[in-house]
Structure formats: structure tokens, C-alpha cells
């Protein structure tokens, strides 16, 4: 049986997460975010409720989303088209209610890179309040994540990058 403690918002939090957070001075909202993102997949998207505030503001290079219900819909659509996806958290920097998280994402999509895994590095700027994330902004090279793995378009993008590097 998992040990849990009810927070002041009547939500269960893993005791080990609280102990880890207090030992490292990591806020609970950040510790929960890191733990959940490293296990997130198509089967457990309900875990988003444990880390995001109802009024979450989420942005990535292609979308801006407001509200937890809209974020659920976005992740459901995103993960439905993936055959696999996982995150490795490489480093976190935290100051007060803000954090920068540097990560590596590996995912597979049947229509990208001939279905083989794609690895991309990125980072997120997040803010927490009331033990939840209320702001999340991802920074990632969309070309490396998406465009370079589309037939024809990918060759053009890679050629442009090569030329720009000279």
C-alpha cells in the first residue's frame, strides 16, 4: 500500500515525494512535475490533474492553451498519434515559484522518421502556485523534432541548416 498524505487541497501526495522535496528544498509542485513527466504516457494522462492547476497556461512553439480541460485534449491528441514517448529530466533550476527544466524527449510516430525514435532536447519554464503548475512554456527546436523527419521537407530543412552553419 502506498503511503500518501492529504494536502490542504484534499489531494493525495506521495510521502516519498514530500520527503524528497523537503530534503532538497525542491517545491512539491516541481517534484511532482518531474516525477510525473518521467512516467507520462497514453495510458496515464489523468496524471496531468495531479500537476496542473485548473487555469493552466501552456505554450509550446506551435500552440497556446488555457485551461486544464483544453490541455487534456491537446495531450490526448498528441499522445494518440505517438507509438512511444518518454522524457528524461537532465537538470532543473528553481528560484521561488519559477523553475527551468532541461529535458530530453524520445518519441516515435509512425509517420515521422520511418517510425524510428526521434530524440530532441528542450527546456521548459514553469511556475507553481498552490502545489500545482499554473504556467508552462516549452522551448524546443521544432525543425529537429518534427520538420526534419517529414519526407522531402526534412531534406530541405537539413540543407538550410547546413548552409546557415557555413
Protein backbone atom coordinates (compact mmCIF):
# COMPACT_ATOMS: atom_id res chain seq x y z
CA UNK A 1 0.00 0.00 0.00
CA UNK A 2 1.38 3.41 -1.00
CA UNK A 3 1.84 5.97 1.78
CA UNK A 4 0.03 9.19 1.00
CA UNK A 5 -0.67 12.41 2.80
CA UNK A 6 -3.61 14.68 2.06
CA UNK A 7 -2.58 18.22 1.14
CA UNK A 8 -4.58 21.28 2.14
CA UNK A 9 -6.40 20.91 -1.19
CA UNK A 10 -7.65 17.41 -0.27
CA UNK A 11 -5.36 15.80 -2.84
CA UNK A 12 -3.13 12.83 -2.12
CA UNK A 13 0.62 13.31 -2.41
CA UNK A 14 3.21 10.57 -2.13
CA UNK A 15 5.05 10.80 1.22
CA UNK A 16 8.35 9.99 -0.52
CA UNK A 17 7.84 12.98 -2.83
CA UNK A 18 7.30 15.25 0.18
CA UNK A 19 10.39 13.88 1.93
CA UNK A 20 12.47 14.29 -1.25
CA UNK A 21 11.16 17.80 -1.78
CA UNK A 22 11.93 18.86 1.80
CA UNK A 23 15.41 17.31 1.76
CA UNK A 24 16.39 19.11 -1.44
CA UNK A 25 14.38 22.32 -0.89
CA UNK A 26 12.53 21.46 -4.08
CA UNK A 27 8.95 22.74 -4.03
CA UNK A 28 6.33 19.98 -4.01
CA UNK A 29 4.81 21.22 -7.28
CA UNK A 30 8.20 20.90 -9.01
CA UNK A 31 8.98 17.50 -7.52
CA UNK A 32 5.56 16.21 -8.62
CA UNK A 33 6.01 17.68 -12.10
CA UNK A 34 9.39 15.99 -12.60
CA UNK A 35 8.17 12.62 -11.29
CA UNK A 36 5.01 12.59 -13.38
CA UNK A 37 6.62 13.75 -16.64
CA UNK A 38 9.12 10.91 -16.44
CA UNK A 39 6.26 8.38 -16.34
CA UNK A 40 3.66 10.10 -18.54
CA UNK A 41 2.23 8.03 -21.40
CA UNK A 42 -1.01 7.45 -23.31
CA UNK A 43 -2.35 5.21 -20.53
CA UNK A 44 -1.99 7.68 -17.66
CA UNK A 45 -2.78 11.16 -18.98
CA UNK A 46 -5.10 11.58 -16.00
CA UNK A 47 -1.89 12.29 -14.04
CA UNK A 48 -1.99 15.76 -15.60
CA UNK A 49 -4.63 16.56 -12.96
CA UNK A 50 -2.03 15.96 -10.25
CA UNK A 51 0.43 18.56 -11.53
CA UNK A 52 -1.51 21.26 -13.38
CA UNK A 53 -3.74 23.97 -11.98
CA UNK A 54 -7.28 24.19 -13.38
CA UNK A 55 -6.38 27.51 -15.06
CA UNK A 56 -3.04 26.36 -16.51
CA UNK A 57 -1.50 28.49 -19.25
CA UNK A 58 0.53 26.22 -21.54
CA UNK A 59 2.52 27.22 -24.60
CA UNK A 60 4.91 25.50 -26.96
CA UNK A 61 6.29 26.69 -30.31
CA UNK A 62 3.09 25.62 -32.10
CA UNK A 63 0.24 26.07 -29.59
CA UNK A 64 -1.07 28.20 -26.76
CA UNK A 65 -3.59 26.54 -24.47
CA UNK A 66 -5.50 27.84 -21.47
CA UNK A 67 -7.33 25.59 -19.02
CA UNK A 68 -6.82 22.05 -17.81
CA UNK A 69 -9.61 20.59 -19.95
CA UNK A 70 -8.05 22.07 -23.10
CA UNK A 71 -4.62 20.82 -22.04
CA UNK A 72 -6.05 17.31 -21.58
CA UNK A 73 -7.49 17.44 -25.10
CA UNK A 74 -4.15 18.65 -26.51
CA UNK A 75 -2.18 15.86 -24.79
CA UNK A 76 -4.75 13.25 -25.77
CA UNK A 77 -4.45 14.25 -29.44
CA UNK A 78 -0.67 14.46 -29.21
CA UNK A 79 -0.14 11.12 -27.49
CA UNK A 80 -2.73 9.26 -29.58
CA UNK A 81 -0.56 9.70 -32.67
CA UNK A 82 2.63 8.56 -30.94
CA UNK A 83 3.73 4.96 -30.65
CA UNK A 84 6.02 5.88 -27.74
CA UNK A 85 7.18 8.94 -25.85
CA UNK A 86 9.25 9.48 -22.74
CA UNK A 87 11.14 12.30 -21.07
CA UNK A 88 14.43 12.29 -19.24
CA UNK A 89 14.88 15.28 -16.94
CA UNK A 90 18.52 16.34 -17.23
CA UNK A 91 18.61 19.36 -14.92
CA UNK A 92 16.35 21.70 -13.03
CA UNK A 93 16.93 25.20 -11.76
CA UNK A 94 14.46 26.61 -9.26
CA UNK A 95 14.06 30.05 -7.76
CA UNK A 96 10.97 30.76 -5.69
CA UNK A 97 7.84 29.88 -7.65
CA UNK A 98 9.68 29.51 -11.00
CA UNK A 99 11.76 26.71 -12.47
CA UNK A 100 13.67 25.90 -15.64
CA UNK A 101 13.71 22.24 -16.59
CA UNK A 102 16.13 20.87 -19.19
CA UNK A 103 14.97 17.61 -20.74
CA UNK A 104 15.48 15.07 -23.48
CA UNK A 105 12.41 13.66 -25.18
CA UNK A 106 12.44 10.47 -27.22
CA UNK A 107 9.33 9.68 -29.19
CA UNK A 108 8.18 7.56 -32.11
CA UNK A 109 5.49 8.45 -34.60
CA UNK A 110 4.59 6.12 -37.44
CA UNK A 111 4.70 8.96 -39.99
CA UNK A 112 7.97 10.56 -38.86
CA UNK A 113 11.50 9.24 -39.34
CA UNK A 114 10.12 6.00 -40.80
CA UNK A 115 8.65 5.17 -37.40
CA UNK A 116 12.09 5.13 -35.72
CA UNK A 117 12.66 7.04 -32.48
CA UNK A 118 13.36 10.77 -32.63
CA UNK A 119 15.37 12.35 -29.84
CA UNK A 120 15.17 16.07 -29.16
CA UNK A 121 16.39 18.28 -26.35
CA UNK A 122 14.43 21.17 -24.98
CA UNK A 123 13.58 23.04 -21.86
CA UNK A 124 10.55 24.30 -20.05
CA UNK A 125 9.89 27.35 -17.94
CA UNK A 126 7.23 26.64 -15.36
CA UNK A 127 5.65 28.48 -12.45
CA UNK A 128 3.92 26.95 -9.48
CA UNK A 129 1.21 28.06 -7.12
CA UNK A 130 -0.82 26.13 -4.54
CA UNK A 131 1.29 22.98 -5.19
CA UNK A 132 0.34 22.94 -8.89
CA UNK A 133 1.90 24.26 -12.09
CA UNK A 134 -0.06 27.25 -13.33
CA UNK A 135 2.24 28.29 -16.21
CA UNK A 136 4.25 26.07 -18.57
CA UNK A 137 6.22 27.24 -21.62
CA UNK A 138 8.24 24.75 -23.71
CA UNK A 139 11.22 25.73 -25.82
CA UNK A 140 12.24 23.18 -28.42
CA UNK A 141 13.65 23.13 -31.96
CA UNK A 142 10.53 22.24 -33.95
CA UNK A 143 12.67 21.51 -37.01
CA UNK A 144 14.66 18.86 -35.13
CA UNK A 145 11.52 17.50 -33.51
CA UNK A 146 9.18 17.45 -36.49
CA UNK A 147 10.05 19.04 -39.82
CA UNK A 148 13.39 17.28 -40.37
CA UNK A 149 11.63 13.92 -40.19
CA UNK A 150 9.00 14.58 -42.83
CA UNK A 151 9.94 13.17 -46.27
CA UNK A 152 11.08 15.87 -48.75
CA UNK A 153 10.56 18.72 -46.25
CA UNK A 154 13.18 17.18 -43.95
CA UNK A 155 15.86 17.23 -46.65
CA UNK A 156 15.13 20.89 -47.36
CA UNK A 157 15.29 21.85 -43.67
CA UNK A 158 18.55 19.96 -43.17
CA UNK A 159 20.05 21.65 -46.25
CA UNK A 160 19.04 25.07 -44.94
CA UNK A 161 20.59 24.34 -41.54
CA UNK A 162 23.80 23.11 -43.16
CA UNK A 163 24.01 26.19 -45.34
CA UNK A 164 23.33 28.54 -42.44
CA UNK A 165 26.13 26.93 -40.41
CA UNK A 166 28.75 27.86 -43.03
